[in-house]
C-alpha atoms as a PDB file:
ATOM      1  CA  MET A   1     -14.638 -15.824  11.277  1.00  0.00           C
ATOM      2  CA  ASN A   2     -11.078 -15.908   9.893  1.00  0.00           C
ATOM      3  CA  LEU A   3     -11.289 -16.392   6.143  1.00  0.00           C
ATOM      4  CA  PRO A   4      -8.243 -15.884   3.863  1.00  0.00           C
ATOM      5  CA  ILE A   5      -6.749 -12.390   3.878  1.00  0.00           C
ATOM      6  CA  ILE A   6      -3.946 -10.462   2.188  1.00  0.00           C
ATOM      7  CA  ASP A   7      -2.159  -7.508   3.753  1.00  0.00           C
ATOM      8  CA  ALA A   8      -2.042  -5.094   0.812  1.00  0.00           C
ATOM      9  CA  HIS A   9       0.592  -2.796   2.316  1.00  0.00           C
ATOM     10  CA  ILE A  10       3.184  -3.708   4.929  1.00  0.00           C
ATOM     11  CA  HIS A  11       6.797  -2.635   5.555  1.00  0.00           C
ATOM     12  CA  LEU A  12       7.894  -6.160   6.354  1.00  0.00           C
ATOM     13  CA  ASP A  13      11.582  -5.323   6.166  1.00  0.00           C
ATOM     14  CA  ARG A  14      11.165  -2.640   8.864  1.00  0.00           C
ATOM     15  CA  TYR A  15      10.232  -5.119  11.610  1.00  0.00           C
ATOM     16  CA  PRO A  16      12.962  -6.133  14.055  1.00  0.00           C
ATOM     17  CA  LYS A  17      14.226  -9.571  13.053  1.00  0.00           C
ATOM     18  CA  LYS A  18      12.572 -11.453  15.909  1.00  0.00           C
ATOM     19  CA  GLU A  19       9.167  -9.818  15.371  1.00  0.00           C
ATOM     20  CA  GLN A  20       9.530 -10.300  11.623  1.00  0.00           C
ATOM     21  CA  GLN A  21      10.160 -14.005  12.037  1.00  0.00           C
ATOM     22  CA  ASN A  22       7.271 -14.396  14.490  1.00  0.00           C
ATOM     23  CA  LEU A  23       4.968 -12.653  12.015  1.00  0.00           C
ATOM     24  CA  LEU A  24       6.057 -14.905   9.161  1.00  0.00           C
ATOM     25  CA  ASN A  25       5.615 -17.985  11.355  1.00  0.00           C
ATOM     26  CA  ASP A  26       2.041 -16.879  12.106  1.00  0.00           C
ATOM     27  CA  LEU A  27       0.869 -16.601   8.505  1.00  0.00           C
ATOM     28  CA  GLU A  28      -0.672 -20.034   8.113  1.00  0.00           C
ATOM     29  CA  LYS A  29      -2.253 -19.996  11.573  1.00  0.00           C
ATOM     30  CA  ASP A  30      -3.884 -16.624  10.919  1.00  0.00           C
ATOM     31  CA  ASN A  31      -4.973 -17.547   7.371  1.00  0.00           C
ATOM     32  CA  ILE A  32      -2.811 -14.802   5.855  1.00  0.00           C
ATOM     33  CA  LYS A  33      -2.243 -15.786   2.246  1.00  0.00           C
ATOM     34  CA  GLY A  34      -0.067 -12.888   1.178  1.00  0.00           C
ATOM     35  CA  LEU A  35       1.880  -9.791   2.215  1.00  0.00           C
ATOM     36  CA  LEU A  36       2.456  -6.948  -0.244  1.00  0.00           C
ATOM     37  CA  ALA A  37       5.865  -5.881   1.063  1.00  0.00           C
ATOM     38  CA  VAL A  38       6.493  -2.270   0.030  1.00  0.00           C
ATOM     39  CA  SER A  39       9.937  -0.712   0.009  1.00  0.00           C
ATOM     40  CA  THR A  40      11.323   2.637   1.147  1.00  0.00           C
ATOM     41  CA  ASN A  41      14.604   2.806  -0.827  1.00  0.00           C
ATOM     42  CA  LEU A  42      17.164   0.644  -2.624  1.00  0.00           C
ATOM     43  CA  THR A  43      18.337  -1.212   0.497  1.00  0.00           C
ATOM     44  CA  SER A  44      14.741  -1.837   1.503  1.00  0.00           C
ATOM     45  CA  SER A  45      13.961  -3.109  -2.014  1.00  0.00           C
ATOM     46  CA  LYS A  46      16.874  -5.537  -1.824  1.00  0.00           C
ATOM     47  CA  ASN A  47      15.744  -6.780   1.585  1.00  0.00           C
ATOM     48  CA  ASN A  48      12.165  -7.319   0.414  1.00  0.00           C
ATOM     49  CA  ARG A  49      13.398  -9.173  -2.636  1.00  0.00           C
ATOM     50  CA  MET A  50      15.314 -11.561  -0.352  1.00  0.00           C
ATOM     51  CA  LEU A  51      12.247 -12.039   1.858  1.00  0.00           C
ATOM     52  CA  ALA A  52      10.187 -12.887  -1.221  1.00  0.00           C
ATOM     53  CA  GLU A  53      12.780 -15.443  -2.263  1.00  0.00           C
ATOM     54  CA  ASN A  54      12.517 -17.158   1.115  1.00  0.00           C
ATOM     55  CA  TYR A  55       8.780 -16.897   1.828  1.00  0.00           C
ATOM     56  CA  LYS A  56       6.164 -17.733  -0.767  1.00  0.00           C
ATOM     57  CA  GLN A  57       3.573 -15.450   0.874  1.00  0.00           C
ATOM     58  CA  VAL A  58       5.717 -12.316   0.374  1.00  0.00           C
ATOM     59  CA  TYR A  59       5.090 -10.239  -2.756  1.00  0.00           C
ATOM     60  CA  PRO A  60       7.616  -7.404  -3.090  1.00  0.00           C
ATOM     61  CA  ALA A  61       7.119  -3.857  -4.335  1.00  0.00           C
ATOM     62  CA  PHE A  62      10.201  -1.775  -5.054  1.00  0.00           C
ATOM     63  CA  GLY A  63      10.305   2.007  -4.744  1.00  0.00           C
ATOM     64  CA  TYR A  64      11.283   5.072  -2.712  1.00  0.00           C
ATOM     65  CA  HIS A  65       9.162   6.402   0.143  1.00  0.00           C
ATOM     66  CA  PRO A  66       8.682  10.165  -0.263  1.00  0.00           C
ATOM     67  CA  GLU A  67       8.722  11.076   3.434  1.00  0.00           C
ATOM     68  CA  GLN A  68      12.518  11.211   3.464  1.00  0.00           C
ATOM     69  CA  GLU A  69      15.265  13.288   1.939  1.00  0.00           C
ATOM     70  CA  MET A  70      15.251  13.408  -1.834  1.00  0.00           C
ATOM     71  CA  PRO A  71      17.766  10.862  -3.185  1.00  0.00           C
ATOM     72  CA  THR A  72      20.740  12.016  -5.232  1.00  0.00           C
ATOM     73  CA  GLY A  73      20.826  11.491  -8.969  1.00  0.00           C
ATOM     74  CA  ALA A  74      23.268   8.618  -8.527  1.00  0.00           C
ATOM     75  CA  GLU A  75      21.006   6.970  -5.936  1.00  0.00           C
ATOM     76  CA  ILE A  76      18.009   7.274  -8.252  1.00  0.00           C
ATOM     77  CA  ASP A  77      19.972   5.726 -11.113  1.00  0.00           C
ATOM     78  CA  LYS A  78      21.002   2.754  -8.948  1.00  0.00           C
ATOM     79  CA  LEU A  79      17.425   2.240  -7.789  1.00  0.00           C
ATOM     80  CA  PHE A  80      16.063   2.219 -11.343  1.00  0.00           C
ATOM     81  CA  GLN A  81      18.835  -0.129 -12.450  1.00  0.00           C
ATOM     82  CA  PHE A  82      17.682  -2.478  -9.686  1.00  0.00           C
ATOM     83  CA  LEU A  83      14.043  -2.132 -10.759  1.00  0.00           C
ATOM     84  CA  ASN A  84      14.947  -2.855 -14.344  1.00  0.00           C
ATOM     85  CA  ARG A  85      16.978  -5.915 -13.393  1.00  0.00           C
ATOM     86  CA  TYR A  86      14.298  -7.396 -11.153  1.00  0.00           C
ATOM     87  CA  LYS A  87      11.115  -6.089 -12.777  1.00  0.00           C
ATOM     88  CA  ASN A  88       9.909  -9.639 -13.389  1.00  0.00           C
ATOM     89  CA  GLU A  89      10.265 -10.469  -9.699  1.00  0.00           C
ATOM     90  CA  MET A  90       8.419  -7.452  -8.349  1.00  0.00           C
ATOM     91  CA  THR A  91       4.672  -7.453  -7.870  1.00  0.00           C
ATOM     92  CA  ALA A  92       4.351  -3.653  -7.952  1.00  0.00           C
ATOM     93  CA  ILE A  93       6.200  -0.347  -7.891  1.00  0.00           C
ATOM     94  CA  GLY A  94       6.059   1.294  -4.498  1.00  0.00           C
ATOM     95  CA  GLU A  95       5.984   2.876  -2.237  1.00  0.00           C
ATOM     96  CA  THR A  96       6.179   6.187  -4.055  1.00  0.00           C
ATOM     97  CA  GLY A  97       4.443   9.543  -3.808  1.00  0.00           C
ATOM     98  CA  LEU A  98       4.837  13.009  -2.333  1.00  0.00           C
ATOM     99  CA  PRO A  99       6.257  14.250   1.012  1.00  0.00           C
ATOM    100  CA  TYR A 100       3.134  15.683   2.681  1.00  0.00           C
ATOM    101  CA  TYR A 101       4.258  15.221   6.297  1.00  0.00           C
ATOM    102  CA  ARG A 102       7.809  16.443   5.712  1.00  0.00           C
ATOM    103  CA  ARG A 103       6.440  19.657   4.282  1.00  0.00           C
ATOM    104  CA  GLN A 104       4.271  20.249   7.332  1.00  0.00           C
ATOM    105  CA  THR A 105       7.430  20.711   9.403  1.00  0.00           C
ATOM    106  CA  ASN A 106       9.544  22.213   6.612  1.00  0.00           C
ATOM    107  CA  PRO A 107       7.418  24.064   4.034  1.00  0.00           C
ATOM    108  CA  ASP A 108      10.544  25.132   2.147  1.00  0.00           C
ATOM    109  CA  ILE A 109      11.239  21.602   0.892  1.00  0.00           C
ATOM    110  CA  PRO A 110      11.102  21.800  -2.928  1.00  0.00           C
ATOM    111  CA  LEU A 111       8.230  19.676  -4.234  1.00  0.00           C
ATOM    112  CA  GLU A 112       9.152  19.589  -7.915  1.00  0.00           C
ATOM    113  CA  PRO A 113      11.946  16.972  -7.593  1.00  0.00           C
ATOM    114  CA  TYR A 114       9.526  14.628  -5.804  1.00  0.00           C
ATOM    115  CA  ILE A 115       6.919  15.164  -8.519  1.00  0.00           C
ATOM    116  CA  GLU A 116       9.517  14.360 -11.190  1.00  0.00           C
ATOM    117  CA  LEU A 117      10.541  11.176  -9.368  1.00  0.00           C
ATOM    118  CA  LEU A 118       6.902  10.151  -8.897  1.00  0.00           C
ATOM    119  CA  GLU A 119       6.253  10.638 -12.614  1.00  0.00           C
ATOM    120  CA  ARG A 120       9.271   8.509 -13.438  1.00  0.00           C
ATOM    121  CA  PHE A 121       7.919   5.699 -11.254  1.00  0.00           C
ATOM    122  CA  ILE A 122       4.479   6.047 -12.830  1.00  0.00           C
ATOM    123  CA  LEU A 123       5.950   5.811 -16.316  1.00  0.00           C
ATOM    124  CA  LYS A 124       7.823   2.635 -15.385  1.00  0.00           C
ATOM    125  CA  ALA A 125       4.666   1.156 -13.872  1.00  0.00           C
ATOM    126  CA  LYS A 126       2.861   1.767 -17.150  1.00  0.00           C
ATOM    127  CA  GLN A 127       5.739   0.473 -19.275  1.00  0.00           C
ATOM    128  CA  TRP A 128       6.040  -2.735 -17.244  1.00  0.00           C
ATOM    129  CA  HIS A 129       2.287  -3.198 -16.645  1.00  0.00           C
ATOM    130  CA  LYS A 130       2.772  -3.076 -12.882  1.00  0.00           C
ATOM    131  CA  PRO A 131       0.473  -1.579 -10.235  1.00  0.00           C
ATOM    132  CA  VAL A 132       1.801   1.530  -8.493  1.00  0.00           C
ATOM    133  CA  VAL A 133       1.465   1.984  -4.713  1.00  0.00           C
ATOM    134  CA  LEU A 134       0.958   5.603  -3.730  1.00  0.00           C
ATOM    135  CA  HIS A 135       1.559   7.763  -0.686  1.00  0.00           C
ATOM    136  CA  ALA A 136      -0.408  10.799  -1.865  1.00  0.00           C
ATOM    137  CA  ILE A 137      -2.767  12.400   0.631  1.00  0.00           C
ATOM    138  CA  TYR A 138      -4.726  15.600   1.224  1.00  0.00           C
ATOM    139  CA  GLU A 139      -3.643  18.322  -1.228  1.00  0.00           C
ATOM    140  CA  ASP A 140      -0.945  16.082  -2.721  1.00  0.00           C
ATOM    141  CA  ALA A 141      -3.546  13.651  -4.066  1.00  0.00           C
ATOM    142  CA  PRO A 142      -4.630  15.852  -7.011  1.00  0.00           C
ATOM    143  CA  ILE A 143      -1.004  16.090  -8.168  1.00  0.00           C
ATOM    144  CA  ALA A 144      -0.714  12.297  -8.226  1.00  0.00           C
ATOM    145  CA  LEU A 145      -4.094  12.003  -9.923  1.00  0.00           C
ATOM    146  CA  ASP A 146      -3.031  14.469 -12.619  1.00  0.00           C
ATOM    147  CA  LEU A 147       0.035  12.344 -13.377  1.00  0.00           C
ATOM    148  CA  LEU A 148      -1.915   9.090 -13.422  1.00  0.00           C
ATOM    149  CA  GLU A 149      -4.528  10.552 -15.757  1.00  0.00           C
ATOM    150  CA  LYS A 150      -1.887  12.205 -17.936  1.00  0.00           C
ATOM    151  CA  HIS A 151      -0.307   8.813 -18.601  1.00  0.00           C
ATOM    152  CA  SER A 152      -3.587   6.812 -18.633  1.00  0.00           C
ATOM    153  CA  VAL A 153      -2.489   4.609 -15.742  1.00  0.00           C
ATOM    154  CA  THR A 154      -5.280   2.347 -14.508  1.00  0.00           C
ATOM    155  CA  GLN A 155      -3.606   0.287 -11.760  1.00  0.00           C
ATOM    156  CA  ALA A 156      -3.147   2.755  -8.906  1.00  0.00           C
ATOM    157  CA  HIS A 157      -3.362   1.900  -5.213  1.00  0.00           C
ATOM    158  CA  PHE A 158      -3.741   4.818  -2.784  1.00  0.00           C
ATOM    159  CA  HIS A 159      -2.766   3.390   0.577  1.00  0.00           C
ATOM    160  CA  TRP A 160      -4.112   4.793   3.889  1.00  0.00           C
ATOM    161  CA  PHE A 161      -5.775   7.576   1.951  1.00  0.00           C
ATOM    162  CA  LYS A 162      -6.918  10.890   3.430  1.00  0.00           C
ATOM    163  CA  GLY A 163      -8.554  13.517   1.265  1.00  0.00           C
ATOM    164  CA  SER A 164     -11.625  15.496   0.331  1.00  0.00           C
ATOM    165  CA  PRO A 165     -14.882  13.982  -0.948  1.00  0.00           C
ATOM    166  CA  SER A 166     -14.319  15.578  -4.367  1.00  0.00           C
ATOM    167  CA  ILE A 167     -10.921  13.895  -4.704  1.00  0.00           C
ATOM    168  CA  ILE A 168     -12.392  10.598  -3.511  1.00  0.00           C
ATOM    169  CA  GLU A 169     -15.065  10.864  -6.200  1.00  0.00           C
ATOM    170  CA  ARG A 170     -12.354  11.460  -8.797  1.00  0.00           C
ATOM    171  CA  MET A 171     -10.457   8.388  -7.597  1.00  0.00           C
ATOM    172  CA  ILE A 172     -13.621   6.287  -7.782  1.00  0.00           C
ATOM    173  CA  ALA A 173     -14.307   7.539 -11.320  1.00  0.00           C
ATOM    174  CA  ASN A 174     -10.837   6.278 -12.298  1.00  0.00           C
ATOM    175  CA  ARG A 175     -11.475   3.007 -10.442  1.00  0.00           C
ATOM    176  CA  TYR A 176      -8.353   3.414  -8.344  1.00  0.00           C
ATOM    177  CA  VAL A 177      -8.221   1.222  -5.245  1.00  0.00           C
ATOM    178  CA  VAL A 178      -7.721   2.238  -1.627  1.00  0.00           C
ATOM    179  CA  SER A 179      -6.694   0.120   1.342  1.00  0.00           C
ATOM    180  CA  ILE A 180      -8.109   0.465   4.829  1.00  0.00           C
ATOM    181  CA  THR A 181      -6.069   0.281   8.039  1.00  0.00           C
ATOM    182  CA  PRO A 182      -7.090  -0.579  11.623  1.00  0.00           C
ATOM    183  CA  ASP A 183      -7.495   3.142  12.343  1.00  0.00           C
ATOM    184  CA  LEU A 184     -11.014   2.504  11.046  1.00  0.00           C
ATOM    185  CA  PHE A 185     -11.904   1.754  14.666  1.00  0.00           C
ATOM    186  CA  TYR A 186     -11.130   5.253  15.928  1.00  0.00           C
ATOM    187  CA  LYS A 187     -10.893   7.627  12.928  1.00  0.00           C
ATOM    188  CA  GLU A 188     -14.141   9.033  11.595  1.00  0.00           C
ATOM    189  CA  ARG A 189     -12.486  10.058   8.314  1.00  0.00           C
ATOM    190  CA  THR A 190     -11.604   6.417   7.611  1.00  0.00           C
ATOM    191  CA  ARG A 191     -15.144   5.282   8.381  1.00  0.00           C
ATOM    192  CA  GLN A 192     -16.424   7.951   5.985  1.00  0.00           C
ATOM    193  CA  LEU A 193     -14.003   6.748   3.317  1.00  0.00           C
ATOM    194  CA  VAL A 194     -15.288   3.184   3.709  1.00  0.00           C
ATOM    195  CA  ALA A 195     -18.886   4.378   3.520  1.00  0.00           C
ATOM    196  CA  MET A 196     -18.187   6.362   0.345  1.00  0.00           C
ATOM    197  CA  TYR A 197     -15.867   3.982  -1.512  1.00  0.00           C
ATOM    198  CA  PRO A 198     -17.285   0.982  -3.447  1.00  0.00           C
ATOM    199  CA  LEU A 199     -16.567  -2.357  -1.822  1.00  0.00           C
ATOM    200  CA  SER A 200     -15.335  -3.534  -5.229  1.00  0.00           C
ATOM    201  CA  LEU A 201     -12.407  -1.078  -4.936  1.00  0.00           C
ATOM    202  CA  LEU A 202     -11.388  -1.746  -1.327  1.00  0.00           C
ATOM    203  CA  MET A 203      -8.409  -3.641   0.023  1.00  0.00           C
ATOM    204  CA  VAL A 204      -7.042  -3.888   3.574  1.00  0.00           C
ATOM    205  CA  GLU A 205      -3.617  -3.168   5.012  1.00  0.00           C
ATOM    206  CA  THR A 206      -1.676  -2.664   8.221  1.00  0.00           C
ATOM    207  CA  ASP A 207       1.203  -0.421   7.081  1.00  0.00           C
ATOM    208  CA  GLY A 208       3.064  -2.326   9.778  1.00  0.00           C
ATOM    209  CA  PRO A 209       5.078  -1.891  11.846  1.00  0.00           C
ATOM    210  CA  TRP A 210       3.295   1.465  12.185  1.00  0.00           C
ATOM    211  CA  PRO A 211       1.439   1.300  15.546  1.00  0.00           C
ATOM    212  CA  PHE A 212      -2.288   1.837  16.070  1.00  0.00           C
ATOM    213  CA  GLU A 213      -4.470   3.224  18.820  1.00  0.00           C
ATOM    214  CA  GLY A 214      -7.950   2.231  19.933  1.00  0.00           C
ATOM    215  CA  PRO A 215      -8.379  -1.511  20.509  1.00  0.00           C
ATOM    216  CA  PHE A 216      -4.851  -2.118  19.168  1.00  0.00           C
ATOM    217  CA  LYS A 217      -3.017   0.258  21.490  1.00  0.00           C
ATOM    218  CA  HIS A 218       0.275  -1.176  22.806  1.00  0.00           C
ATOM    219  CA  GLU A 219       0.010  -4.114  20.363  1.00  0.00           C
ATOM    220  CA  GLN A 220       2.700  -4.939  17.830  1.00  0.00           C
ATOM    221  CA  THR A 221       1.076  -4.296  14.458  1.00  0.00           C
ATOM    222  CA  HIS A 222       0.313  -7.643  12.835  1.00  0.00           C
ATOM    223  CA  PRO A 223      -1.591  -8.641   9.673  1.00  0.00           C
ATOM    224  CA  ARG A 224      -4.060 -10.593  11.814  1.00  0.00           C
ATOM    225  CA  MET A 225      -5.555  -7.200  12.722  1.00  0.00           C
ATOM    226  CA  ILE A 226      -7.049  -7.238   9.234  1.00  0.00           C
ATOM    227  CA  HIS A 227      -9.659  -9.765  10.365  1.00  0.00           C
ATOM    228  CA  SER A 228     -11.088  -7.141  12.713  1.00  0.00           C
ATOM    229  CA  THR A 229     -10.856  -4.462  10.017  1.00  0.00           C
ATOM    230  CA  ILE A 230     -12.867  -6.560   7.567  1.00  0.00           C
ATOM    231  CA  GLN A 231     -15.559  -7.206  10.158  1.00  0.00           C
ATOM    232  CA  LYS A 232     -15.819  -3.446  10.758  1.00  0.00           C
ATOM    233  CA  ILE A 233     -16.021  -2.770   7.018  1.00  0.00           C
ATOM    234  CA  ALA A 234     -18.846  -5.303   6.741  1.00  0.00           C
ATOM    235  CA  GLU A 235     -20.685  -3.500   9.524  1.00  0.00           C
ATOM    236  CA  ILE A 236     -20.304  -0.084   7.856  1.00  0.00           C
ATOM    237  CA  LYS A 237     -21.237  -1.368   4.403  1.00  0.00           C
ATOM    238  CA  LYS A 238     -24.089  -3.463   5.788  1.00  0.00           C
ATOM    239  CA  VAL A 239     -22.821  -6.513   3.916  1.00  0.00           C
ATOM    240  CA  ASP A 240     -22.462  -9.928   5.514  1.00  0.00           C
ATOM    241  CA  ILE A 241     -18.976 -10.759   6.758  1.00  0.00           C
ATOM    242  CA  GLN A 242     -18.301 -13.711   4.461  1.00  0.00           C
ATOM    243  CA  THR A 243     -19.207 -11.702   1.366  1.00  0.00           C
ATOM    244  CA  THR A 244     -17.022  -8.820   2.539  1.00  0.00           C
ATOM    245  CA  TYR A 245     -14.084 -11.162   3.100  1.00  0.00           C
ATOM    246  CA  ASN A 246     -14.521 -12.727  -0.326  1.00  0.00           C
ATOM    247  CA  ILE A 247     -14.858  -9.449  -2.223  1.00  0.00           C
ATOM    248  CA  ILE A 248     -11.842  -7.824  -0.567  1.00  0.00           C
ATOM    249  CA  TYR A 249      -9.748 -10.949  -1.075  1.00  0.00           C
ATOM    250  CA  GLN A 250     -10.687 -11.142  -4.759  1.00  0.00           C
ATOM    251  CA  ASN A 251     -10.063  -7.406  -5.203  1.00  0.00           C
ATOM    252  CA  THR A 252      -6.507  -7.865  -3.957  1.00  0.00           C
ATOM    253  CA  LEU A 253      -5.829 -11.002  -5.984  1.00  0.00           C
ATOM    254  CA  GLU A 254      -6.997  -9.328  -9.173  1.00  0.00           C
ATOM    255  CA  PHE A 255      -5.400  -5.934  -8.603  1.00  0.00           C
ATOM    256  CA  TYR A 256      -1.973  -7.412  -7.847  1.00  0.00           C
ATOM    257  CA  ASN A 257      -2.354 -10.228 -10.379  1.00  0.00           C
ATOM    258  CA  LEU A 258      -2.085 -12.884  -7.677  1.00  0.00           C
ATOM    259  CA  SER A 259      -4.778 -15.100  -9.177  1.00  0.00           C
ATOM    260  CA  GLU A 260      -2.370 -17.967  -8.806  1.00  0.00           C
ATOM    261  CA  LEU A 261      -0.850 -17.603  -5.358  1.00  0.00           C
ATOM    262  CA  LYS A 262       2.616 -19.111  -5.059  1.00  0.00           C
END
């Protein structure tokens, strides 16, 4: 069963041009109604904006991925000037968050500048009534949650989330959404997240072109993988497949305000 789907988190601009074009050509065939194209920096934001101009299924999010060197003050200013100029064209702010993996290899990386930048993105998301897409996992998640709660932000999307049950419960209490990747097929922590999280707060993603293991090993990451992910979610939640498809699709439409697809 291949009902309509939306990839809620994909780095579309990171695909090599040929693979990117093949993916875009496949959308109708694979019943993929939308791609939430997240950005990693200013250049990435510009590229995703151009993709959205050329393909009606592409919905861009503009931001700065935290798992890279902290941008300079001038770079931050240019990025926020871009966001301000094109705020009406962007679907969300993101990707943004905290550099968990960078700090595993270099614990001396100062965290405070990343927290300040994250808070600035969160404030803009609130000001512009945009969802915010978060890379905030494990012990970084409470920091992001503190900022979201501090500013009474309701539209927060934690993508590919990993964290403790207590933090998951806090996210559920705030009705923040999470998106599930194909690692559901081989990661027990993701299966546990699906079991714990309400279906009404779930979306699905690929985080492509990030590669996957298990049944998707050696495959180019493609949004069509989401069909398999949804079927697995239905199995875990013990909900029929069609209902699971419909709920996840509606969750994504409503969260990203895509009730009228282009």
